[in-house]
N, C-alpha and C. Protein backbone atom coordinates (compact mmCIF):
# COMPACT_ATOMS: atom_id res chain seq x y z
N MET A 1 149.58 173.79 286.27
CA MET A 1 149.11 172.92 285.23
C MET A 1 148.06 171.98 285.81
N GLU A 2 146.94 171.90 285.15
CA GLU A 2 145.87 171.00 285.59
C GLU A 2 145.76 169.86 284.60
N ILE A 3 145.72 168.64 285.11
CA ILE A 3 145.59 167.44 284.29
C ILE A 3 144.37 166.68 284.77
N THR A 4 143.52 166.27 283.86
CA THR A 4 142.37 165.45 284.21
C THR A 4 142.74 163.99 283.98
N VAL A 5 142.61 163.19 285.03
CA VAL A 5 142.99 161.78 284.98
C VAL A 5 141.84 160.94 284.44
N LYS A 6 142.14 160.14 283.44
CA LYS A 6 141.18 159.19 282.89
C LYS A 6 141.25 157.87 283.64
N ALA A 7 142.47 157.41 283.92
CA ALA A 7 142.65 156.12 284.60
C ALA A 7 143.96 156.09 285.34
N LEU A 8 143.94 155.49 286.51
CA LEU A 8 145.15 155.22 287.26
C LEU A 8 145.78 153.98 286.63
N THR A 9 147.09 154.02 286.35
CA THR A 9 147.71 152.90 285.64
C THR A 9 148.70 152.12 286.50
N THR A 10 149.60 152.81 287.15
CA THR A 10 150.62 152.13 287.95
C THR A 10 150.86 152.89 289.25
N CYS A 11 151.23 152.17 290.25
CA CYS A 11 151.63 152.77 291.52
C CYS A 11 152.92 152.08 291.92
N GLU A 12 153.96 152.86 292.17
CA GLU A 12 155.26 152.27 292.47
C GLU A 12 155.93 153.00 293.62
N VAL A 13 156.88 152.32 294.22
CA VAL A 13 157.72 152.89 295.26
C VAL A 13 159.11 153.04 294.68
N ALA A 14 159.74 154.18 294.92
CA ALA A 14 161.11 154.40 294.45
C ALA A 14 162.03 153.34 295.07
N PRO A 15 163.07 152.92 294.35
CA PRO A 15 163.97 151.88 294.87
C PRO A 15 164.54 152.20 296.26
N ASP A 16 164.78 153.47 296.54
CA ASP A 16 165.33 153.83 297.86
C ASP A 16 164.24 154.09 298.90
N GLY A 17 162.96 153.94 298.50
CA GLY A 17 161.84 154.15 299.42
C GLY A 17 161.57 155.61 299.74
N GLY A 18 162.22 156.52 299.05
CA GLY A 18 162.08 157.94 299.36
C GLY A 18 160.89 158.63 298.71
N ALA A 19 160.16 157.91 297.85
CA ALA A 19 159.01 158.53 297.16
C ALA A 19 158.11 157.43 296.62
N ILE A 20 156.91 157.85 296.26
CA ILE A 20 156.00 156.96 295.52
C ILE A 20 155.69 157.64 294.20
N SER A 21 155.29 156.85 293.22
CA SER A 21 154.91 157.37 291.92
C SER A 21 153.52 156.86 291.60
N LEU A 22 152.63 157.78 291.24
CA LEU A 22 151.27 157.43 290.83
C LEU A 22 151.18 157.67 289.32
N GLY A 23 151.12 156.58 288.56
CA GLY A 23 151.02 156.69 287.12
C GLY A 23 149.58 156.72 286.68
N PHE A 24 149.31 157.48 285.62
CA PHE A 24 147.94 157.56 285.12
C PHE A 24 147.94 157.90 283.65
N GLU A 25 146.76 157.81 283.07
CA GLU A 25 146.53 158.22 281.69
C GLU A 25 145.59 159.41 281.72
N ASP A 26 145.94 160.46 280.98
CA ASP A 26 145.05 161.62 280.97
C ASP A 26 143.94 161.42 279.94
N THR A 27 143.04 162.36 279.84
CA THR A 27 141.86 162.21 278.97
C THR A 27 142.21 162.18 277.49
N THR A 28 143.43 162.59 277.13
CA THR A 28 143.84 162.51 275.72
C THR A 28 144.64 161.24 275.44
N GLY A 29 144.78 160.38 276.45
CA GLY A 29 145.48 159.12 276.27
C GLY A 29 146.96 159.16 276.58
N ASN A 30 147.46 160.30 277.01
CA ASN A 30 148.89 160.42 277.31
C ASN A 30 149.21 159.90 278.71
N PRO A 31 150.30 159.15 278.84
CA PRO A 31 150.71 158.70 280.17
C PRO A 31 151.38 159.84 280.93
N ALA A 32 151.23 159.81 282.22
CA ALA A 32 151.87 160.81 283.09
C ALA A 32 152.05 160.17 284.46
N ALA A 33 152.81 160.83 285.30
CA ALA A 33 153.01 160.32 286.65
C ALA A 33 153.24 161.50 287.59
N VAL A 34 152.84 161.29 288.81
CA VAL A 34 153.09 162.26 289.88
C VAL A 34 153.97 161.55 290.89
N GLN A 35 155.08 162.17 291.23
CA GLN A 35 155.96 161.60 292.25
C GLN A 35 155.76 162.40 293.53
N VAL A 36 155.58 161.69 294.63
CA VAL A 36 155.35 162.31 295.93
C VAL A 36 156.42 161.79 296.89
N SER A 37 157.11 162.72 297.55
CA SER A 37 158.16 162.30 298.48
C SER A 37 157.56 161.56 299.67
N LEU A 38 158.37 160.72 300.28
CA LEU A 38 157.93 159.97 301.44
C LEU A 38 157.41 160.92 302.52
N ASN A 39 158.04 162.09 302.66
CA ASN A 39 157.61 163.06 303.65
C ASN A 39 156.20 163.59 303.39
N GLN A 40 155.77 163.59 302.13
CA GLN A 40 154.46 164.14 301.78
C GLN A 40 153.38 163.07 301.58
N VAL A 41 153.76 161.80 301.49
CA VAL A 41 152.79 160.73 301.25
C VAL A 41 151.75 160.69 302.37
N GLY A 42 152.19 160.80 303.61
CA GLY A 42 151.24 160.78 304.73
C GLY A 42 150.22 161.90 304.63
N ALA A 43 150.67 163.10 304.27
CA ALA A 43 149.75 164.23 304.11
C ALA A 43 148.73 163.95 303.00
N LEU A 44 149.20 163.35 301.90
CA LEU A 44 148.29 163.00 300.80
C LEU A 44 147.26 161.99 301.26
N ILE A 45 147.71 160.96 301.95
CA ILE A 45 146.80 159.91 302.42
C ILE A 45 145.77 160.47 303.40
N MET A 46 146.18 161.37 304.26
CA MET A 46 145.26 161.95 305.25
C MET A 46 144.25 162.89 304.59
N THR A 47 144.60 163.46 303.45
CA THR A 47 143.73 164.41 302.76
C THR A 47 142.65 163.74 301.92
N LEU A 48 142.98 162.63 301.29
CA LEU A 48 142.06 162.01 300.33
C LEU A 48 140.72 161.54 300.91
N PRO A 49 140.66 160.89 302.06
CA PRO A 49 139.35 160.45 302.56
C PRO A 49 138.38 161.62 302.81
N GLY A 50 138.88 162.72 303.33
CA GLY A 50 138.02 163.88 303.56
C GLY A 50 137.52 164.47 302.25
N LEU A 51 138.39 164.54 301.24
CA LEU A 51 137.97 165.04 299.93
C LEU A 51 136.94 164.12 299.30
N LEU A 52 137.15 162.81 299.42
CA LEU A 52 136.19 161.84 298.88
C LEU A 52 134.82 162.02 299.51
N GLU A 53 134.79 162.18 300.82
CA GLU A 53 133.51 162.33 301.50
C GLU A 53 132.84 163.66 301.14
N ARG A 54 133.61 164.73 301.03
CA ARG A 54 133.04 166.03 300.62
C ARG A 54 132.47 165.95 299.21
N ALA A 55 133.18 165.26 298.30
CA ALA A 55 132.71 165.12 296.92
C ALA A 55 131.41 164.32 296.88
N LEU A 56 131.33 163.25 297.65
CA LEU A 56 130.13 162.42 297.72
C LEU A 56 128.93 163.24 298.19
N LYS A 57 129.12 164.03 299.23
CA LYS A 57 128.04 164.85 299.76
C LYS A 57 127.62 165.94 298.77
N ALA A 58 128.60 166.54 298.10
CA ALA A 58 128.29 167.57 297.11
C ALA A 58 127.55 166.99 295.91
N ARG A 59 127.99 165.84 295.44
CA ARG A 59 127.37 165.24 294.26
C ARG A 59 125.91 164.88 294.51
N TYR A 60 125.61 164.32 295.69
CA TYR A 60 124.26 163.85 295.96
C TYR A 60 123.45 164.80 296.85
N GLY A 61 124.06 165.90 297.30
CA GLY A 61 123.34 166.87 298.10
C GLY A 61 122.80 166.33 299.41
N ASP A 62 123.48 165.35 299.96
CA ASP A 62 123.02 164.72 301.19
C ASP A 62 124.18 164.71 302.19
N GLN A 63 124.08 165.55 303.21
CA GLN A 63 125.15 165.68 304.19
C GLN A 63 125.28 164.48 305.13
N SER A 64 124.32 163.57 305.09
CA SER A 64 124.40 162.39 305.96
C SER A 64 125.20 161.26 305.32
N LEU A 65 125.54 161.37 304.04
CA LEU A 65 126.26 160.29 303.36
C LEU A 65 127.67 160.14 303.92
N ARG A 66 128.13 158.89 303.99
CA ARG A 66 129.48 158.55 304.43
C ARG A 66 130.05 157.55 303.45
N TYR A 67 131.32 157.63 303.20
CA TYR A 67 131.99 156.63 302.37
C TYR A 67 132.59 155.62 303.33
N ALA A 68 132.08 154.41 303.32
CA ALA A 68 132.52 153.39 304.27
C ALA A 68 133.09 152.20 303.53
N TYR A 69 134.20 151.71 304.02
CA TYR A 69 134.85 150.54 303.46
C TYR A 69 134.37 149.30 304.22
N PRO A 70 134.00 148.23 303.54
CA PRO A 70 133.56 147.02 304.24
C PRO A 70 134.74 146.34 304.94
N LEU A 71 134.63 146.14 306.22
CA LEU A 71 135.69 145.54 307.00
C LEU A 71 135.71 144.03 306.79
N ALA A 72 136.87 143.49 306.42
CA ALA A 72 137.02 142.05 306.24
C ALA A 72 137.78 141.44 307.41
N SER A 73 138.75 142.17 307.95
CA SER A 73 139.52 141.63 309.07
C SER A 73 140.13 142.76 309.89
N TRP A 74 140.54 142.42 311.08
CA TRP A 74 141.20 143.38 311.95
C TRP A 74 142.23 142.65 312.80
N VAL A 75 143.26 143.38 313.19
CA VAL A 75 144.32 142.83 314.04
C VAL A 75 144.64 143.86 315.09
N LEU A 76 144.79 143.41 316.33
CA LEU A 76 145.19 144.28 317.43
C LEU A 76 146.53 143.76 317.94
N GLU A 77 147.53 144.63 317.98
CA GLU A 77 148.86 144.22 318.43
C GLU A 77 149.46 145.25 319.36
N GLN A 78 150.41 144.81 320.14
CA GLN A 78 151.09 145.69 321.08
C GLN A 78 152.10 146.55 320.33
N SER A 79 152.13 147.82 320.62
CA SER A 79 153.12 148.74 320.07
C SER A 79 154.42 148.59 320.85
N THR A 80 155.50 149.13 320.32
CA THR A 80 156.75 149.16 321.09
C THR A 80 156.61 150.08 322.30
N ASP A 81 155.64 150.99 322.24
CA ASP A 81 155.28 151.83 323.38
C ASP A 81 154.20 151.05 324.15
N ASN A 82 154.51 150.58 325.33
CA ASN A 82 153.58 149.72 326.08
C ASN A 82 152.27 150.39 326.44
N ALA A 83 152.19 151.72 326.33
CA ALA A 83 150.95 152.43 326.64
C ALA A 83 150.00 152.47 325.44
N GLN A 84 150.43 151.92 324.32
CA GLN A 84 149.61 151.99 323.11
C GLN A 84 149.52 150.61 322.45
N ARG A 85 148.44 150.43 321.71
CA ARG A 85 148.30 149.27 320.84
C ARG A 85 148.08 149.78 319.44
N ILE A 86 148.32 148.90 318.48
CA ILE A 86 148.10 149.24 317.07
C ILE A 86 146.95 148.39 316.56
N MET A 87 145.95 149.04 315.99
CA MET A 87 144.82 148.33 315.40
C MET A 87 144.91 148.48 313.88
N THR A 88 144.90 147.35 313.19
CA THR A 88 144.90 147.33 311.73
C THR A 88 143.53 146.87 311.26
N LEU A 89 142.92 147.66 310.39
CA LEU A 89 141.63 147.33 309.78
C LEU A 89 141.89 147.09 308.30
N GLU A 90 141.30 146.01 307.74
CA GLU A 90 141.58 145.66 306.35
C GLU A 90 140.31 145.26 305.60
N THR A 91 140.24 145.65 304.32
CA THR A 91 139.13 145.26 303.46
C THR A 91 139.51 143.99 302.70
N GLU A 92 138.54 143.38 302.04
CA GLU A 92 138.81 142.16 301.28
C GLU A 92 139.80 142.38 300.15
N ASP A 93 139.82 143.59 299.58
CA ASP A 93 140.73 143.84 298.46
C ASP A 93 142.12 144.32 298.91
N GLY A 94 142.40 144.25 300.21
CA GLY A 94 143.75 144.52 300.70
C GLY A 94 144.03 145.93 301.19
N PHE A 95 143.03 146.82 301.17
CA PHE A 95 143.23 148.17 301.71
C PHE A 95 143.36 148.06 303.22
N LYS A 96 144.45 148.62 303.78
CA LYS A 96 144.69 148.55 305.22
C LYS A 96 144.90 149.95 305.77
N VAL A 97 144.46 150.13 306.99
CA VAL A 97 144.76 151.36 307.72
C VAL A 97 145.08 150.95 309.15
N ARG A 98 146.06 151.64 309.71
CA ARG A 98 146.48 151.33 311.08
C ARG A 98 146.33 152.56 311.95
N PHE A 99 145.90 152.30 313.19
CA PHE A 99 145.76 153.37 314.17
C PHE A 99 146.51 152.97 315.43
N SER A 100 147.24 153.93 316.02
CA SER A 100 147.80 153.69 317.34
C SER A 100 146.76 154.19 318.33
N ILE A 101 146.49 153.37 319.35
CA ILE A 101 145.42 153.68 320.29
C ILE A 101 146.00 153.75 321.70
N PRO A 102 145.95 154.94 322.33
CA PRO A 102 146.41 155.06 323.72
C PRO A 102 145.52 154.22 324.65
N ALA A 103 146.07 153.84 325.79
CA ALA A 103 145.38 152.96 326.73
C ALA A 103 143.98 153.47 327.10
N ALA A 104 143.84 154.74 327.40
CA ALA A 104 142.53 155.28 327.80
C ALA A 104 141.51 155.13 326.68
N GLU A 105 141.93 155.33 325.44
CA GLU A 105 141.02 155.19 324.30
C GLU A 105 140.66 153.73 324.06
N GLN A 106 141.57 152.82 324.37
CA GLN A 106 141.28 151.39 324.20
C GLN A 106 140.08 151.00 325.05
N ASN A 107 140.06 151.45 326.29
CA ASN A 107 138.95 151.13 327.18
C ASN A 107 137.65 151.73 326.69
N LEU A 108 137.68 152.98 326.24
CA LEU A 108 136.47 153.62 325.72
C LEU A 108 135.96 152.92 324.47
N LEU A 109 136.89 152.52 323.60
CA LEU A 109 136.49 151.80 322.38
C LEU A 109 135.85 150.46 322.74
N ALA A 110 136.44 149.74 323.67
CA ALA A 110 135.88 148.45 324.09
C ALA A 110 134.48 148.62 324.65
N GLU A 111 134.28 149.64 325.47
CA GLU A 111 132.95 149.90 326.03
C GLU A 111 131.95 150.25 324.94
N ALA A 112 132.36 151.05 323.98
CA ALA A 112 131.46 151.45 322.90
C ALA A 112 131.07 150.25 322.03
N LEU A 113 132.00 149.33 321.81
CA LEU A 113 131.72 148.18 320.96
C LEU A 113 130.73 147.19 321.58
N VAL A 114 130.62 147.15 322.89
CA VAL A 114 129.68 146.22 323.51
C VAL A 114 128.31 146.83 323.75
N GLN A 115 128.15 148.11 323.51
CA GLN A 115 126.87 148.77 323.67
C GLN A 115 126.02 148.59 322.42
N PRO A 116 124.69 148.52 322.56
CA PRO A 116 123.83 148.48 321.36
C PRO A 116 124.03 149.73 320.54
N VAL A 117 123.98 149.59 319.23
CA VAL A 117 124.17 150.73 318.34
C VAL A 117 122.84 151.44 318.15
N ALA A 118 122.69 152.59 318.76
CA ALA A 118 121.47 153.40 318.63
C ALA A 118 121.74 154.59 317.72
N GLU A 119 122.92 155.13 317.80
CA GLU A 119 123.30 156.27 316.99
C GLU A 119 124.82 156.33 316.95
N ALA A 120 125.33 157.22 316.14
CA ALA A 120 126.78 157.36 316.04
C ALA A 120 127.35 157.76 317.39
N ARG A 121 128.43 157.10 317.76
CA ARG A 121 129.09 157.41 319.02
C ARG A 121 130.54 157.70 318.73
N GLY A 122 131.12 158.48 319.57
CA GLY A 122 132.54 158.76 319.38
C GLY A 122 133.00 159.80 320.38
N ARG A 123 134.24 160.09 320.28
CA ARG A 123 134.84 161.11 321.12
C ARG A 123 135.37 162.19 320.21
N PRO A 124 134.82 163.39 320.29
CA PRO A 124 135.34 164.47 319.45
C PRO A 124 136.74 164.84 319.90
N ASN A 125 137.50 165.36 318.95
CA ASN A 125 138.87 165.81 319.27
C ASN A 125 138.84 167.03 320.12
């Protein structure tokens, strides 16, 4: 079954934390919801940014386009694993993403941040 979403209406967490519910209105005005188990939420979250970027490039025919969120704040904290830190990046509207960063990557990131920006830099997987 394919449903075209007109508007996202509600987002909720199940009382036991075992799932999330994404409520929406379809193009005919009917309410509907998709429930995603906690086990699948991470997969959904990891999939959406790539799909968004592919859609942007397809719509405008420009492979150099990127969907970038404006950074409002960041926090660096120690993980319970002493070899890693957790970096939280947040936008003004409250969107947050967290990354665990191994010690070796922390040093490379620090070095990259102090270098002049001439072109995109990174470490491929």
